[in-house]
Amino acid sequence: MNDHASYNGHESDLLTVPEAAKLLRISRNLAYELVARRELPCVRLGRVIRVPRTSLDAWIASQAASGVTDAALGSESGSRQQRLM
């Protein structure tokens, strides 16, 4: 059985780094860099690296939330700078 295939019609709980990269629409190399910098959640099983699907979903949600916060802060400081000029 292929470990990348669905099991009983469900998605795999553990993704390879290239599979996670594909879901994130980033390059494979960037995904490995994020793993090396411990920014992307992963599990190491010896030399094998897997990304838990639930952890990836939570990471995406936290990144989206911080992006919204950063964008809101950025627009606020930008308008403040315009008023100062």
Protein backbone atom coordinates (compact mmCIF):
# COMPACT_ATOMS: atom_id res chain seq x y z
CA MET A 1 0.00 0.00 0.00
CA ASN A 2 1.25 3.48 -0.84
CA ASP A 3 1.75 5.57 2.30
CA HIS A 4 0.77 8.71 0.35
CA ALA A 5 -2.65 7.33 -0.57
CA SER A 6 -5.82 7.82 1.38
CA TYR A 7 -6.63 5.25 4.01
CA ASN A 8 -10.29 4.21 4.10
CA GLY A 9 -11.19 7.30 2.06
CA HIS A 10 -9.70 9.70 4.62
CA GLU A 11 -6.78 12.01 4.08
CA SER A 12 -3.50 10.97 5.65
CA ASP A 13 -2.92 12.41 9.11
CA LEU A 14 0.80 12.79 8.43
CA LEU A 15 1.99 14.65 5.34
CA THR A 16 5.41 14.63 3.76
CA VAL A 17 7.13 18.01 3.57
CA PRO A 18 6.55 18.19 -0.23
CA GLU A 19 2.84 17.41 0.33
CA ALA A 20 2.61 20.20 2.92
CA ALA A 21 4.42 22.54 0.53
CA LYS A 22 1.92 21.73 -2.19
CA LEU A 23 -1.01 22.49 0.15
CA LEU A 24 0.63 25.77 1.18
CA ARG A 25 1.50 26.58 -2.45
CA ILE A 26 5.12 27.21 -1.58
CA SER A 27 8.27 25.62 -2.91
CA ARG A 28 9.56 22.36 -1.49
CA ASN A 29 12.80 24.12 -0.52
CA LEU A 30 10.98 26.84 1.42
CA ALA A 31 8.97 24.19 3.27
CA TYR A 32 12.20 22.43 4.30
CA GLU A 33 13.66 25.80 5.38
CA LEU A 34 10.59 26.46 7.57
CA VAL A 35 11.02 22.99 9.11
CA ALA A 36 14.72 23.64 9.75
CA ARG A 37 13.90 27.00 11.40
CA ARG A 38 11.23 25.20 13.47
CA GLU A 39 8.56 27.52 12.09
CA LEU A 40 6.52 24.77 10.44
CA PRO A 41 5.20 22.10 12.84
CA CYS A 42 6.65 18.67 12.15
CA VAL A 43 7.38 15.28 13.65
CA ARG A 44 10.72 13.58 13.11
CA LEU A 45 10.71 9.79 12.96
CA GLY A 46 14.40 9.04 12.67
CA ARG A 47 15.41 10.67 9.39
CA VAL A 48 11.82 10.93 8.19
CA ILE A 49 10.00 14.25 8.58
CA ARG A 50 6.21 14.35 8.65
CA VAL A 51 3.84 17.27 9.09
CA PRO A 52 0.70 16.43 11.10
CA ARG A 53 -2.34 17.64 9.17
CA THR A 54 -4.07 19.02 12.28
CA SER A 55 -0.93 20.95 13.29
CA LEU A 56 -0.59 22.32 9.76
CA ASP A 57 -4.22 23.50 9.80
CA ALA A 58 -3.68 25.20 13.18
CA TRP A 59 -0.44 26.78 11.93
CA ILE A 60 -2.22 28.14 8.86
CA ALA A 61 -4.95 29.62 11.07
CA SER A 62 -2.41 31.27 13.37
CA GLN A 63 -0.48 32.67 10.41
CA ALA A 64 -3.68 34.05 8.92
CA ALA A 65 -4.66 35.63 12.26
CA SER A 66 -1.25 37.26 12.71
CA GLY A 67 -1.32 38.47 9.09
CA VAL A 68 -4.66 40.17 9.66
CA THR A 69 -3.33 41.75 12.84
CA ASP A 70 -0.14 42.91 11.12
CA ALA A 71 -2.11 44.34 8.20
CA ALA A 72 -4.41 46.21 10.55
CA LEU A 73 -1.48 47.63 12.50
CA GLY A 74 0.35 48.52 9.30
CA SER A 75 -2.58 50.47 7.88
CA GLU A 76 -3.08 52.29 11.18
CA SER A 77 0.56 53.35 11.40
CA GLY A 78 0.53 54.30 7.71
CA SER A 79 -2.43 56.64 8.16
CA ARG A 80 -0.78 58.11 11.27
CA GLN A 81 2.38 58.80 9.26
CA GLN A 82 0.35 60.57 6.58
CA ARG A 83 -1.25 62.82 9.24
CA LEU A 84 2.18 63.74 10.60
CA MET A 85 3.42 64.89 7.22
